[in-house]
PDB file of N, CA and C in Angstrom:
ATOM      1  N   MET A   1       2.884  59.438  17.903  1.00  0.00           N
ATOM      2  CA  MET A   1       1.493  58.859  18.716  1.00  0.00           C
ATOM      3  C   MET A   1       2.151  57.083  19.359  1.00  0.00           C
ATOM      4  N   PRO A   2       2.230  57.189  20.103  1.00  0.00           N
ATOM      5  CA  PRO A   2       2.629  55.998  20.929  1.00  0.00           C
ATOM      6  C   PRO A   2       1.777  54.831  19.859  1.00  0.00           C
ATOM      7  N   SER A   3       2.244  53.521  19.678  1.00  0.00           N
ATOM      8  CA  SER A   3       1.658  52.355  19.368  1.00  0.00           C
ATOM      9  C   SER A   3       0.848  51.747  20.313  1.00  0.00           C
ATOM     10  N   VAL A   4      -0.126  50.744  20.016  1.00  0.00           N
ATOM     11  CA  VAL A   4      -1.166  50.011  21.528  1.00  0.00           C
ATOM     12  C   VAL A   4       0.186  49.416  22.511  1.00  0.00           C
ATOM     13  N   LYS A   5       1.424  48.746  21.581  1.00  0.00           N
ATOM     14  CA  LYS A   5       1.847  47.692  22.803  1.00  0.00           C
ATOM     15  C   LYS A   5       2.972  48.761  23.809  1.00  0.00           C
ATOM     16  N   THR A   6       2.998  50.375  23.022  1.00  0.00           N
ATOM     17  CA  THR A   6       3.490  50.991  23.947  1.00  0.00           C
ATOM     18  C   THR A   6       2.750  51.245  25.226  1.00  0.00           C
ATOM     19  N   ASN A   7       1.740  52.118  24.888  1.00  0.00           N
ATOM     20  CA  ASN A   7      -0.016  52.155  25.798  1.00  0.00           C
ATOM     21  C   ASN A   7      -0.095  50.987  26.339  1.00  0.00           C
ATOM     22  N   LEU A   8      -0.173  50.154  26.066  1.00  0.00           N
ATOM     23  CA  LEU A   8      -0.325  48.609  26.695  1.00  0.00           C
ATOM     24  C   LEU A   8       1.273  48.462  28.328  1.00  0.00           C
ATOM     25  N   PHE A   9       1.912  48.837  27.619  1.00  0.00           N
ATOM     26  CA  PHE A   9       3.105  48.645  29.012  1.00  0.00           C
ATOM     27  C   PHE A   9       3.044  50.129  29.683  1.00  0.00           C
ATOM     28  N   ILE A  10       2.578  51.317  29.024  1.00  0.00           N
ATOM     29  CA  ILE A  10       2.488  51.860  30.014  1.00  0.00           C
ATOM     30  C   ILE A  10       1.079  52.215  31.623  1.00  0.00           C
ATOM     31  N   ALA A  11      -0.158  51.120  30.669  1.00  0.00           N
ATOM     32  CA  ALA A  11      -1.057  51.001  31.285  1.00  0.00           C
ATOM     33  C   ALA A  11      -0.486  50.320  32.260  1.00  0.00           C
ATOM     34  N   LEU A  12       0.199  48.978  31.948  1.00  0.00           N
ATOM     35  CA  LEU A  12       0.615  47.925  33.038  1.00  0.00           C
ATOM     36  C   LEU A  12       1.128  48.573  34.126  1.00  0.00           C
ATOM     37  N   ALA A  13       2.235  49.849  33.588  1.00  0.00           N
ATOM     38  CA  ALA A  13       2.574  50.187  34.900  1.00  0.00           C
ATOM     39  C   ALA A  13       2.423  50.912  35.821  1.00  0.00           C
ATOM     40  N   ILE A  14       1.114  52.357  35.328  1.00  0.00           N
ATOM     41  CA  ILE A  14      -0.140  53.221  35.714  1.00  0.00           C
ATOM     42  C   ILE A  14      -0.604  51.911  36.572  1.00  0.00           C
ATOM     43  N   GLY A  15      -0.809  51.264  36.442  1.00  0.00           N
ATOM     44  CA  GLY A  15      -1.812  50.033  37.549  1.00  0.00           C
ATOM     45  C   GLY A  15      -1.167  49.407  38.376  1.00  0.00           C
ATOM     46  N   GLY A  16       0.058  48.803  37.853  1.00  0.00           N
ATOM     47  CA  GLY A  16       1.168  48.452  39.375  1.00  0.00           C
ATOM     48  C   GLY A  16       1.238  49.525  40.159  1.00  0.00           C
ATOM     49  N   PHE A  17       1.890  50.409  39.495  1.00  0.00           N
ATOM     50  CA  PHE A  17       1.903  52.008  40.880  1.00  0.00           C
ATOM     51  C   PHE A  17       0.575  51.889  41.821  1.00  0.00           C
ATOM     52  N   VAL A  18      -0.665  52.030  40.932  1.00  0.00           N
ATOM     53  CA  VAL A  18      -1.304  52.193  41.962  1.00  0.00           C
ATOM     54  C   VAL A  18      -1.689  51.308  42.370  1.00  0.00           C
ATOM     55  N   SER A  19      -2.040  49.777  42.223  1.00  0.00           N
ATOM     56  CA  SER A  19      -2.055  48.468  43.321  1.00  0.00           C
ATOM     57  C   SER A  19      -0.518  48.702  44.412  1.00  0.00           C
ATOM     58  N   ALA A  20       0.639  49.117  43.783  1.00  0.00           N
ATOM     59  CA  ALA A  20       1.589  49.097  45.066  1.00  0.00           C
ATOM     60  C   ALA A  20       1.329  50.239  45.957  1.00  0.00           C
ATOM     61  N   VAL A  21       0.425  51.209  45.405  1.00  0.00           N
ATOM     62  CA  VAL A  21       0.333  52.961  46.725  1.00  0.00           C
ATOM     63  C   VAL A  21      -1.050  51.793  47.380  1.00  0.00           C
ATOM     64  N   LEU A  22      -1.846  51.451  47.142  1.00  0.00           N
ATOM     65  CA  LEU A  22      -3.138  51.156  47.818  1.00  0.00           C
ATOM     66  C   LEU A  22      -2.718  49.862  48.753  1.00  0.00           C
ATOM     67  N   LEU A  23      -1.805  49.584  48.469  1.00  0.00           N
ATOM     68  CA  LEU A  23      -1.221  48.484  49.423  1.00  0.00           C
ATOM     69  C   LEU A  23      -0.461  48.984  50.871  1.00  0.00           C
ATOM     70  N   ALA A  24       0.386  50.169  49.956  1.00  0.00           N
ATOM     71  CA  ALA A  24       1.125  50.805  50.956  1.00  0.00           C
ATOM     72  C   ALA A  24       0.461  51.524  51.682  1.00  0.00           C
ATOM     73  N   ILE A  25      -0.720  52.094  51.341  1.00  0.00           N
ATOM     74  CA  ILE A  25      -1.519  53.206  52.572  1.00  0.00           C
ATOM     75  C   ILE A  25      -2.668  52.305  53.219  1.00  0.00           C
ATOM     76  N   GLU A  26      -2.796  51.081  53.108  1.00  0.00           N
ATOM     77  CA  GLU A  26      -3.729  50.610  54.146  1.00  0.00           C
ATOM     78  C   GLU A  26      -3.783  51.032  55.856  1.00  0.00           C
ATOM     79  N   PRO A  27      -2.151  50.547  56.214  1.00  0.00           N
ATOM     80  CA  PRO A  27      -2.406  50.765  57.420  1.00  0.00           C
ATOM     81  C   PRO A  27      -2.101  52.017  57.890  1.00  0.00           C
ATOM     82  N   LEU A  28      -1.593  53.411  57.004  1.00  0.00           N
ATOM     83  CA  LEU A  28      -1.932  54.524  57.354  1.00  0.00           C
ATOM     84  C   LEU A  28      -3.068  54.967  57.337  1.00  0.00           C
ATOM     85  N   THR A  29      -4.023  54.258  56.482  1.00  0.00           N
ATOM     86  CA  THR A  29      -5.499  55.100  56.497  1.00  0.00           C
ATOM     87  C   THR A  29      -6.654  54.170  57.243  1.00  0.00           C
ATOM     88  N   ASP A  30      -6.010  53.496  57.713  1.00  0.00           N
ATOM     89  CA  ASP A  30      -7.084  52.569  58.896  1.00  0.00           C
ATOM     90  C   ASP A  30      -7.753  51.706  57.886  1.00  0.00           C
ATOM     91  N   PHE A  31      -7.316  51.157  56.889  1.00  0.00           N
ATOM     92  CA  PHE A  31      -7.966  50.938  55.573  1.00  0.00           C
ATOM     93  C   PHE A  31      -8.995  51.014  55.419  1.00  0.00           C
ATOM     94  N   ALA A  32      -9.091  52.300  55.092  1.00  0.00           N
ATOM     95  CA  ALA A  32     -10.478  53.340  54.168  1.00  0.00           C
ATOM     96  C   ALA A  32     -10.409  52.975  52.727  1.00  0.00           C
ATOM     97  N   TYR A  33      -9.473  52.433  52.211  1.00  0.00           N
ATOM     98  CA  TYR A  33      -9.509  52.644  50.965  1.00  0.00           C
ATOM     99  C   TYR A  33      -9.656  50.708  50.403  1.00  0.00           C
ATOM    100  N   LEU A  34      -9.731  49.929  51.406  1.00  0.00           N
ATOM    101  CA  LEU A  34     -10.203  48.502  50.943  1.00  0.00           C
ATOM    102  C   LEU A  34     -10.905  47.923  49.921  1.00  0.00           C
ATOM    103  N   SER A  35     -11.869  49.017  50.115  1.00  0.00           N
ATOM    104  CA  SER A  35     -12.710  49.461  48.741  1.00  0.00           C
ATOM    105  C   SER A  35     -12.230  48.816  47.040  1.00  0.00           C
ATOM    106  N   LEU A  36     -11.199  49.473  47.410  1.00  0.00           N
ATOM    107  CA  LEU A  36     -10.527  49.554  46.279  1.00  0.00           C
ATOM    108  C   LEU A  36     -10.064  48.572  45.485  1.00  0.00           C
ATOM    109  N   GLU A  37      -9.629  47.685  46.996  1.00  0.00           N
ATOM    110  CA  GLU A  37      -8.769  46.667  46.607  1.00  0.00           C
ATOM    111  C   GLU A  37      -9.796  44.906  46.290  1.00  0.00           C
ATOM    112  N   TRP A  38     -10.718  45.512  46.304  1.00  0.00           N
ATOM    113  CA  TRP A  38     -11.638  43.971  46.104  1.00  0.00           C
ATOM    114  C   TRP A  38     -11.641  42.901  44.827  1.00  0.00           C
ATOM    115  N   PRO A  39     -11.175  43.356  44.051  1.00  0.00           N
ATOM    116  CA  PRO A  39     -10.712  42.430  42.955  1.00  0.00           C
ATOM    117  C   PRO A  39      -9.391  41.303  43.650  1.00  0.00           C
ATOM    118  N   GLY A  40      -8.409  42.235  44.417  1.00  0.00           N
ATOM    119  CA  GLY A  40      -7.346  41.696  44.411  1.00  0.00           C
ATOM    120  C   GLY A  40      -8.070  40.269  45.587  1.00  0.00           C
ATOM    121  N   ILE A  41      -8.150  41.376  46.420  1.00  0.00           N
ATOM    122  CA  ILE A  41      -8.904  40.600  47.563  1.00  0.00           C
ATOM    123  C   ILE A  41      -9.503  39.260  47.181  1.00  0.00           C
ATOM    124  N   THR A  42     -10.501  39.302  46.611  1.00  0.00           N
ATOM    125  CA  THR A  42     -11.297  38.153  46.097  1.00  0.00           C
ATOM    126  C   THR A  42     -10.358  37.116  45.487  1.00  0.00           C
ATOM    127  N   ALA A  43      -9.609  37.192  44.960  1.00  0.00           N
ATOM    128  CA  ALA A  43      -8.658  36.494  44.032  1.00  0.00           C
ATOM    129  C   ALA A  43      -7.160  36.003  45.006  1.00  0.00           C
ATOM    130  N   ALA A  44      -6.898  36.612  46.224  1.00  0.00           N
ATOM    131  CA  ALA A  44      -6.513  36.271  47.536  1.00  0.00           C
ATOM    132  C   ALA A  44      -6.933  35.817  48.061  1.00  0.00           C
ATOM    133  N   TYR A  45      -8.240  35.683  48.201  1.00  0.00           N
ATOM    134  CA  TYR A  45      -9.085  34.872  48.817  1.00  0.00           C
ATOM    135  C   TYR A  45      -9.464  33.480  48.370  1.00  0.00           C
ATOM    136  N   PHE A  46     -10.199  33.363  47.290  1.00  0.00           N
ATOM    137  CA  PHE A  46      -9.954  32.333  46.727  1.00  0.00           C
ATOM    138  C   PHE A  46      -8.820  31.305  46.276  1.00  0.00           C
ATOM    139  N   PHE A  47      -7.510  31.954  46.175  1.00  0.00           N
ATOM    140  CA  PHE A  47      -6.183  31.067  46.332  1.00  0.00           C
ATOM    141  C   PHE A  47      -6.063  30.506  47.545  1.00  0.00           C
ATOM    142  N   TRP A  48      -6.699  31.614  48.931  1.00  0.00           N
ATOM    143  CA  TRP A  48      -6.283  30.475  50.370  1.00  0.00           C
ATOM    144  C   TRP A  48      -7.601  29.397  50.420  1.00  0.00           C
ATOM    145  N   GLY A  49      -8.752  29.961  50.090  1.00  0.00           N
ATOM    146  CA  GLY A  49      -9.363  29.046  49.740  1.00  0.00           C
ATOM    147  C   GLY A  49      -8.718  27.403  49.346  1.00  0.00           C
ATOM    148  N   VAL A  50      -8.602  27.742  47.701  1.00  0.00           N
ATOM    149  CA  VAL A  50      -8.215  26.153  47.547  1.00  0.00           C
ATOM    150  C   VAL A  50      -6.659  26.048  47.698  1.00  0.00           C
ATOM    151  N   ILE A  51      -5.674  26.748  47.998  1.00  0.00           N
ATOM    152  CA  ILE A  51      -4.268  26.388  48.151  1.00  0.00           C
ATOM    153  C   ILE A  51      -4.289  26.033  49.385  1.00  0.00           C
ATOM    154  N   GLY A  52      -4.772  26.851  50.226  1.00  0.00           N
ATOM    155  CA  GLY A  52      -4.008  27.087  51.242  1.00  0.00           C
ATOM    156  C   GLY A  52      -2.988  27.829  51.758  1.00  0.00           C
ATOM    157  N   GLY A  53      -2.343  28.934  51.209  1.00  0.00           N
ATOM    158  CA  GLY A  53      -1.029  29.377  50.647  1.00  0.00           C
ATOM    159  C   GLY A  53      -0.429  29.793  51.899  1.00  0.00           C
ATOM    160  N   PRO A  54       1.191  30.479  51.681  1.00  0.00           N
ATOM    161  CA  PRO A  54       1.598  31.518  52.766  1.00  0.00           C
ATOM    162  C   PRO A  54       0.673  33.087  52.048  1.00  0.00           C
ATOM    163  N   THR A  55       0.706  33.966  53.372  1.00  0.00           N
ATOM    164  CA  THR A  55       0.478  35.346  53.242  1.00  0.00           C
ATOM    165  C   THR A  55       0.424  35.802  52.484  1.00  0.00           C
ATOM    166  N   PHE A  56       2.333  35.713  51.921  1.00  0.00           N
ATOM    167  CA  PHE A  56       2.764  36.579  51.056  1.00  0.00           C
ATOM    168  C   PHE A  56       2.541  36.318  49.120  1.00  0.00           C
ATOM    169  N   ILE A  57       2.173  35.042  49.398  1.00  0.00           N
ATOM    170  CA  ILE A  57       1.769  34.711  48.043  1.00  0.00           C
ATOM    171  C   ILE A  57       0.037  35.196  47.320  1.00  0.00           C
ATOM    172  N   GLY A  58      -0.639  35.434  48.726  1.00  0.00           N
ATOM    173  CA  GLY A  58      -1.849  35.812  48.832  1.00  0.00           C
ATOM    174  C   GLY A  58      -1.897  37.159  48.727  1.00  0.00           C
ATOM    175  N   ILE A  59      -0.925  38.359  49.287  1.00  0.00           N
ATOM    176  CA  ILE A  59      -0.240  39.315  49.034  1.00  0.00           C
ATOM    177  C   ILE A  59      -0.440  39.904  47.473  1.00  0.00           C
ATOM    178  N   ALA A  60       0.519  38.467  47.011  1.00  0.00           N
ATOM    179  CA  ALA A  60       1.315  39.003  45.791  1.00  0.00           C
ATOM    180  C   ALA A  60       0.389  38.675  44.703  1.00  0.00           C
ATOM    181  N   ILE A  61      -0.665  38.138  44.855  1.00  0.00           N
ATOM    182  CA  ILE A  61      -1.738  37.889  44.463  1.00  0.00           C
ATOM    183  C   ILE A  61      -2.668  38.768  44.048  1.00  0.00           C
ATOM    184  N   SER A  62      -3.241  39.061  44.951  1.00  0.00           N
ATOM    185  CA  SER A  62      -4.272  40.357  45.394  1.00  0.00           C
ATOM    186  C   SER A  62      -3.153  41.699  45.119  1.00  0.00           C
ATOM    187  N   TRP A  63      -1.722  41.883  44.748  1.00  0.00           N
ATOM    188  CA  TRP A  63      -1.472  43.424  43.891  1.00  0.00           C
ATOM    189  C   TRP A  63      -1.167  43.267  42.546  1.00  0.00           C
ATOM    190  N   VAL A  64      -0.991  41.814  42.135  1.00  0.00           N
ATOM    191  CA  VAL A  64      -1.062  41.374  40.596  1.00  0.00           C
ATOM    192  C   VAL A  64      -2.508  41.463  39.622  1.00  0.00           C
ATOM    193  N   VAL A  65      -3.547  41.474  40.686  1.00  0.00           N
ATOM    194  CA  VAL A  65      -4.665  41.438  39.985  1.00  0.00           C
ATOM    195  C   VAL A  65      -5.164  42.754  40.045  1.00  0.00           C
ATOM    196  N   ASN A  66      -5.051  43.270  40.879  1.00  0.00           N
ATOM    197  CA  ASN A  66      -5.233  44.916  41.166  1.00  0.00           C
ATOM    198  C   ASN A  66      -4.789  45.446  39.992  1.00  0.00           C
ATOM    199  N   ALA A  67      -3.191  45.543  40.066  1.00  0.00           N
ATOM    200  CA  ALA A  67      -2.867  46.050  38.762  1.00  0.00           C
ATOM    201  C   ALA A  67      -3.025  45.412  37.569  1.00  0.00           C
ATOM    202  N   LEU A  68      -4.008  44.181  37.228  1.00  0.00           N
ATOM    203  CA  LEU A  68      -4.388  44.308  35.997  1.00  0.00           C
ATOM    204  C   LEU A  68      -6.001  45.254  35.878  1.00  0.00           C
ATOM    205  N   ILE A  69      -6.287  44.937  36.739  1.00  0.00           N
ATOM    206  CA  ILE A  69      -7.742  45.810  36.790  1.00  0.00           C
ATOM    207  C   ILE A  69      -7.565  47.241  36.643  1.00  0.00           C
ATOM    208  N   TYR A  70      -6.708  48.023  37.198  1.00  0.00           N
ATOM    209  CA  TYR A  70      -6.531  49.221  37.376  1.00  0.00           C
ATOM    210  C   TYR A  70      -5.290  49.496  35.800  1.00  0.00           C
ATOM    211  N   GLY A  71      -4.836  48.955  35.472  1.00  0.00           N
ATOM    212  CA  GLY A  71      -3.896  48.728  34.304  1.00  0.00           C
ATOM    213  C   GLY A  71      -4.945  48.682  32.812  1.00  0.00           C
ATOM    214  N   LEU A  72      -5.747  47.596  33.115  1.00  0.00           N
ATOM    215  CA  LEU A  72      -7.267  47.805  31.949  1.00  0.00           C
ATOM    216  C   LEU A  72      -7.855  49.440  31.722  1.00  0.00           C
ATOM    217  N   GLY A  73      -8.036  49.601  33.613  1.00  0.00           N
ATOM    218  CA  GLY A  73      -8.815  51.330  33.199  1.00  0.00           C
ATOM    219  C   GLY A  73      -7.492  51.916  32.584  1.00  0.00           C
ATOM    220  N   ALA A  74      -6.481  51.949  32.724  1.00  0.00           N
ATOM    221  CA  ALA A  74      -5.460  53.057  32.401  1.00  0.00           C
ATOM    222  C   ALA A  74      -5.472  52.870  31.078  1.00  0.00           C
ATOM    223  N   PHE A  75      -5.417  51.319  30.674  1.00  0.00           N
ATOM    224  CA  PHE A  75      -5.386  51.656  28.573  1.00  0.00           C
ATOM    225  C   PHE A  75      -6.408  52.045  28.115  1.00  0.00           C
ATOM    226  N   VAL A  76      -8.011  51.795  28.508  1.00  0.00           N
ATOM    227  CA  VAL A  76      -9.144  52.241  28.087  1.00  0.00           C
ATOM    228  C   VAL A  76      -8.618  53.865  27.747  1.00  0.00           C
ATOM    229  N   VAL A  77      -8.238  54.479  29.261  1.00  0.00           N
ATOM    230  CA  VAL A  77      -8.287  56.021  29.091  1.00  0.00           C
ATOM    231  C   VAL A  77      -7.227  56.599  27.852  1.00  0.00           C
ATOM    232  N   LEU A  78      -5.891  55.879  28.119  1.00  0.00           N
ATOM    233  CA  LEU A  78      -4.845  56.227  27.160  1.00  0.00           C
ATOM    234  C   LEU A  78      -5.441  55.973  25.548  1.00  0.00           C
ATOM    235  N   SER A  79      -6.240  55.147  25.244  1.00  0.00           N
ATOM    236  CA  SER A  79      -6.535  54.554  24.193  1.00  0.00           C
ATOM    237  C   SER A  79      -7.757  55.487  23.734  1.00  0.00           C
ATOM    238  N   VAL A  80      -8.386  55.809  24.677  1.00  0.00           N
ATOM    239  CA  VAL A  80      -9.503  56.975  23.982  1.00  0.00           C
ATOM    240  C   VAL A  80      -8.937  58.800  23.768  1.00  0.00           C
ATOM    241  N   LEU A  81      -7.192  58.454  24.720  1.00  0.00           N
ATOM    242  CA  LEU A  81      -6.693  59.861  24.238  1.00  0.00           C
ATOM    243  C   LEU A  81      -6.444  60.098  23.201  1.00  0.00           C
ATOM    244  N   LYS A  82      -5.572  58.398  22.620  1.00  0.00           N
ATOM    245  CA  LYS A  82      -4.920  58.172  21.332  1.00  0.00           C
ATOM    246  C   LYS A  82      -6.168  58.616  20.110  1.00  0.00           C
ATOM    247  N   VAL A  83      -7.231  58.612  20.503  1.00  0.00           N
ATOM    248  CA  VAL A  83      -8.431  58.185  18.935  1.00  0.00           C
ATOM    249  C   VAL A  83      -8.967  59.914  19.243  1.00  0.00           C
ATOM    250  N   LEU A  84      -9.033  60.485  20.190  1.00  0.00           N
ATOM    251  CA  LEU A  84      -9.271  61.611  20.383  1.00  0.00           C
ATOM    252  C   LEU A  84      -7.936  62.501  19.546  1.00  0.00           C
ATOM    253  N   ARG A  85      -6.545  62.721  20.035  1.00  0.00           N
ATOM    254  CA  ARG A  85      -5.970  63.524  19.239  1.00  0.00           C
ATOM    255  C   ARG A  85      -5.909  62.822  17.811  1.00  0.00           C
ATOM    256  N   GLU A  86      -6.269  61.974  16.970  1.00  0.00           N
ATOM    257  CA  GLU A  86      -6.345  61.678  15.985  1.00  0.00           C
ATOM    258  C   GLU A  86      -6.916  62.210  15.491  1.00  0.00           C
ATOM    259  N   ALA A  87      -8.030  62.727  16.188  1.00  0.00           N
ATOM    260  CA  ALA A  87      -9.703  62.951  15.160  1.00  0.00           C
ATOM    261  C   ALA A  87      -9.234  64.642  15.368  1.00  0.00           C
TER     262      ALA A  87
END
């Protein structure tokens, strides 16, 4: 059974992948899945409002926040699956 640390790394990788896919398909889907990116977009919007930084940093912040949000969801799913396998 994978340890908690292993599950955390797997979950963060899954979150990063989901976030990258969402950013990549934006122009292809005419921003149809933009609602799935709201946590990251909100964080980037607050960053631009406070700092007024470049667009690249805002996109990076959006990607990181979305990766953490989706990674948390993946971690919960992996943890539940681990508990169910042990039972």
